[in-house]
Amino acid sequence: MNQLLQKAFDRAAELPRAEQDRFALFLLAELESEHKWAELFVRPESDDLLERLADEALADHCAGRTRSLDLEDL
């Protein structure tokens, strides 16, 4: 385990038990989500789908159907 991860776990160990459980559930869910995304991106059909989505986004932008992101709206 690297130092940064160890520091995070050391800090988490200082939390009350219920918060430790919530943190653990969050972390496990994030790891599972990353695993699922990685599996999806290695599929051959992913390249075609991502290319089609990128083409659609570019077409929307060129047609004026997009707007600049305002960080204040997030």
N, C-alpha and C. Protein backbone atom coordinates (compact mmCIF):
# COMPACT_ATOMS: atom_id res chain seq x y z
N MET A 1 0.86 -1.17 0.00
CA MET A 1 0.00 0.00 0.00
C MET A 1 0.90 1.23 0.00
N ASN A 2 0.54 2.21 -0.83
CA ASN A 2 1.36 3.42 -0.86
C ASN A 2 1.03 4.33 0.32
N GLN A 3 1.87 5.35 0.52
CA GLN A 3 1.74 6.21 1.69
C GLN A 3 0.44 7.01 1.71
N LEU A 4 0.01 7.48 0.55
CA LEU A 4 -1.20 8.28 0.50
C LEU A 4 -2.42 7.44 0.87
N LEU A 5 -2.50 6.24 0.35
CA LEU A 5 -3.62 5.36 0.69
C LEU A 5 -3.58 5.00 2.17
N GLN A 6 -2.39 4.74 2.69
CA GLN A 6 -2.25 4.44 4.11
C GLN A 6 -2.71 5.61 4.97
N LYS A 7 -2.36 6.83 4.55
CA LYS A 7 -2.78 8.03 5.28
C LYS A 7 -4.31 8.14 5.28
N ALA A 8 -4.93 7.86 4.13
CA ALA A 8 -6.39 7.92 4.04
C ALA A 8 -7.03 6.90 4.97
N PHE A 9 -6.50 5.69 5.00
CA PHE A 9 -7.06 4.66 5.87
C PHE A 9 -6.81 4.99 7.35
N ASP A 10 -5.66 5.56 7.65
CA ASP A 10 -5.38 5.97 9.03
C ASP A 10 -6.38 7.02 9.49
N ARG A 11 -6.66 7.97 8.61
CA ARG A 11 -7.64 9.02 8.94
C ARG A 11 -9.04 8.42 9.09
N ALA A 12 -9.38 7.51 8.20
CA ALA A 12 -10.70 6.88 8.27
C ALA A 12 -10.84 6.07 9.56
N ALA A 13 -9.76 5.48 10.02
CA ALA A 13 -9.80 4.68 11.25
C ALA A 13 -10.12 5.54 12.47
N GLU A 14 -9.94 6.84 12.37
CA GLU A 14 -10.24 7.76 13.47
C GLU A 14 -11.73 8.13 13.52
N LEU A 15 -12.46 7.82 12.48
CA LEU A 15 -13.88 8.16 12.41
C LEU A 15 -14.70 7.25 13.31
N PRO A 16 -15.88 7.70 13.72
CA PRO A 16 -16.78 6.81 14.45
C PRO A 16 -17.14 5.59 13.58
N ARG A 17 -17.50 4.51 14.23
CA ARG A 17 -17.75 3.25 13.52
C ARG A 17 -18.76 3.39 12.38
N ALA A 18 -19.86 4.11 12.60
CA ALA A 18 -20.88 4.26 11.56
C ALA A 18 -20.31 4.99 10.34
N GLU A 19 -19.49 6.00 10.58
CA GLU A 19 -18.88 6.73 9.46
C GLU A 19 -17.85 5.86 8.75
N GLN A 20 -17.14 5.03 9.50
CA GLN A 20 -16.21 4.09 8.88
C GLN A 20 -16.96 3.14 7.95
N ASP A 21 -18.12 2.67 8.40
CA ASP A 21 -18.93 1.77 7.57
C ASP A 21 -19.39 2.48 6.30
N ARG A 22 -19.84 3.72 6.43
CA ARG A 22 -20.29 4.48 5.25
C ARG A 22 -19.12 4.69 4.29
N PHE A 23 -17.96 5.02 4.84
CA PHE A 23 -16.78 5.22 4.00
C PHE A 23 -16.40 3.92 3.28
N ALA A 24 -16.43 2.82 4.01
CA ALA A 24 -16.08 1.53 3.41
C ALA A 24 -17.06 1.17 2.29
N LEU A 25 -18.35 1.38 2.53
CA LEU A 25 -19.35 1.09 1.50
C LEU A 25 -19.15 1.96 0.27
N PHE A 26 -18.86 3.25 0.50
CA PHE A 26 -18.59 4.17 -0.61
C PHE A 26 -17.38 3.70 -1.41
N LEU A 27 -16.31 3.37 -0.71
CA LEU A 27 -15.08 2.96 -1.39
C LEU A 27 -15.29 1.67 -2.18
N LEU A 28 -15.96 0.71 -1.60
CA LEU A 28 -16.24 -0.55 -2.30
C LEU A 28 -17.12 -0.31 -3.53
N ALA A 29 -18.10 0.56 -3.40
CA ALA A 29 -18.97 0.87 -4.54
C ALA A 29 -18.17 1.54 -5.66
N GLU A 30 -17.28 2.46 -5.29
CA GLU A 30 -16.45 3.13 -6.29
C GLU A 30 -15.55 2.13 -7.02
N LEU A 31 -14.95 1.23 -6.28
CA LEU A 31 -14.08 0.23 -6.89
C LEU A 31 -14.86 -0.68 -7.82
N GLU A 32 -16.05 -1.07 -7.41
CA GLU A 32 -16.89 -1.91 -8.27
C GLU A 32 -17.31 -1.16 -9.53
N SER A 33 -17.65 0.11 -9.37
CA SER A 33 -18.03 0.93 -10.52
C SER A 33 -16.87 1.05 -11.51
N GLU A 34 -15.68 1.30 -11.00
CA GLU A 34 -14.50 1.40 -11.88
C GLU A 34 -14.27 0.10 -12.62
N HIS A 35 -14.46 -1.01 -11.92
CA HIS A 35 -14.28 -2.33 -12.54
C HIS A 35 -15.29 -2.53 -13.67
N LYS A 36 -16.55 -2.15 -13.43
CA LYS A 36 -17.59 -2.30 -14.46
C LYS A 36 -17.28 -1.43 -15.67
N TRP A 37 -16.85 -0.16 -15.43
CA TRP A 37 -16.51 0.71 -16.55
C TRP A 37 -15.34 0.14 -17.35
N ALA A 38 -14.35 -0.37 -16.66
CA ALA A 38 -13.19 -0.95 -17.35
C ALA A 38 -13.63 -2.12 -18.22
N GLU A 39 -14.53 -2.94 -17.72
CA GLU A 39 -15.04 -4.06 -18.52
C GLU A 39 -15.79 -3.57 -19.75
N LEU A 40 -16.57 -2.50 -19.59
CA LEU A 40 -17.33 -1.97 -20.73
C LEU A 40 -16.41 -1.40 -21.80
N PHE A 41 -15.34 -0.73 -21.40
CA PHE A 41 -14.47 -0.08 -22.37
C PHE A 41 -13.60 -1.05 -23.15
N VAL A 42 -13.41 -2.26 -22.68
CA VAL A 42 -12.60 -3.22 -23.43
C VAL A 42 -13.42 -3.97 -24.47
N ARG A 43 -14.72 -3.81 -24.45
CA ARG A 43 -15.57 -4.47 -25.44
C ARG A 43 -15.36 -3.83 -26.80
N PRO A 44 -15.34 -4.65 -27.86
CA PRO A 44 -15.13 -4.11 -29.21
C PRO A 44 -16.18 -3.07 -29.62
N GLU A 45 -17.42 -3.25 -29.19
CA GLU A 45 -18.48 -2.32 -29.59
C GLU A 45 -18.35 -0.96 -28.90
N SER A 46 -17.53 -0.86 -27.87
CA SER A 46 -17.37 0.41 -27.16
C SER A 46 -16.76 1.48 -28.05
N ASP A 47 -15.78 1.11 -28.86
CA ASP A 47 -15.16 2.09 -29.75
C ASP A 47 -16.17 2.71 -30.68
N ASP A 48 -17.02 1.88 -31.29
CA ASP A 48 -18.03 2.39 -32.21
C ASP A 48 -19.03 3.29 -31.50
N LEU A 49 -19.47 2.87 -30.31
CA LEU A 49 -20.43 3.66 -29.56
C LEU A 49 -19.84 5.00 -29.15
N LEU A 50 -18.63 5.00 -28.62
CA LEU A 50 -18.00 6.26 -28.21
C LEU A 50 -17.76 7.19 -29.40
N GLU A 51 -17.39 6.62 -30.52
CA GLU A 51 -17.18 7.45 -31.72
C GLU A 51 -18.50 8.07 -32.17
N ARG A 52 -19.58 7.29 -32.12
CA ARG A 52 -20.89 7.81 -32.51
C ARG A 52 -21.34 8.91 -31.55
N LEU A 53 -21.15 8.71 -30.26
CA LEU A 53 -21.52 9.73 -29.29
C LEU A 53 -20.70 11.01 -29.46
N ALA A 54 -19.42 10.85 -29.76
CA ALA A 54 -18.57 12.02 -29.99
C ALA A 54 -19.03 12.77 -31.24
N ASP A 55 -19.37 12.04 -32.29
CA ASP A 55 -19.86 12.67 -33.52
C ASP A 55 -21.16 13.43 -33.27
N GLU A 56 -22.05 12.84 -32.48
CA GLU A 56 -23.32 13.51 -32.15
C GLU A 56 -23.07 14.78 -31.34
N ALA A 57 -22.16 14.70 -30.38
CA ALA A 57 -21.86 15.87 -29.56
C ALA A 57 -21.25 16.98 -30.41
N LEU A 58 -20.36 16.63 -31.30
CA LEU A 58 -19.75 17.63 -32.18
C LEU A 58 -20.79 18.24 -33.11
N ALA A 59 -21.68 17.44 -33.63
CA ALA A 59 -22.74 17.95 -34.51
C ALA A 59 -23.65 18.90 -33.74
N ASP A 60 -24.00 18.54 -32.50
CA ASP A 60 -24.82 19.43 -31.67
C ASP A 60 -24.11 20.75 -31.44
N HIS A 61 -22.83 20.69 -31.17
CA HIS A 61 -22.07 21.92 -30.93
C HIS A 61 -22.02 22.78 -32.20
N CYS A 62 -21.73 22.16 -33.32
CA CYS A 62 -21.66 22.91 -34.58
C CYS A 62 -23.00 23.51 -34.96
N ALA A 63 -24.10 22.87 -34.55
CA ALA A 63 -25.44 23.37 -34.86
C ALA A 63 -25.92 24.39 -33.84
N GLY A 64 -25.08 24.71 -32.86
CA GLY A 64 -25.46 25.70 -31.86
C GLY A 64 -26.38 25.19 -30.78
N ARG A 65 -26.44 23.89 -30.60
CA ARG A 65 -27.33 23.31 -29.59
C ARG A 65 -26.61 23.03 -28.26
N THR A 66 -25.46 23.64 -28.07
CA THR A 66 -24.74 23.48 -26.81
C THR A 66 -24.50 24.85 -26.20
N ARG A 67 -24.10 24.85 -24.93
CA ARG A 67 -23.76 26.11 -24.29
C ARG A 67 -22.53 25.89 -23.42
N SER A 68 -21.83 26.95 -23.12
CA SER A 68 -20.64 26.86 -22.30
C SER A 68 -21.02 26.45 -20.88
N LEU A 69 -20.14 25.70 -20.26
CA LEU A 69 -20.36 25.26 -18.90
C LEU A 69 -20.04 26.39 -17.95
N ASP A 70 -20.99 26.70 -17.09
CA ASP A 70 -20.79 27.71 -16.05
C ASP A 70 -20.63 26.97 -14.74
N LEU A 71 -19.44 27.03 -14.16
CA LEU A 71 -19.17 26.30 -12.93
C LEU A 71 -20.05 26.73 -11.78
N GLU A 72 -20.58 27.92 -11.84
CA GLU A 72 -21.49 28.41 -10.80
C GLU A 72 -22.82 27.67 -10.83
N ASP A 73 -23.15 27.07 -11.98
CA ASP A 73 -24.42 26.33 -12.10
C ASP A 73 -24.33 24.92 -11.58
N LEU A 74 -23.13 24.46 -11.26
CA LEU A 74 -22.99 23.08 -10.81
C LEU A 74 -23.43 22.88 -9.40
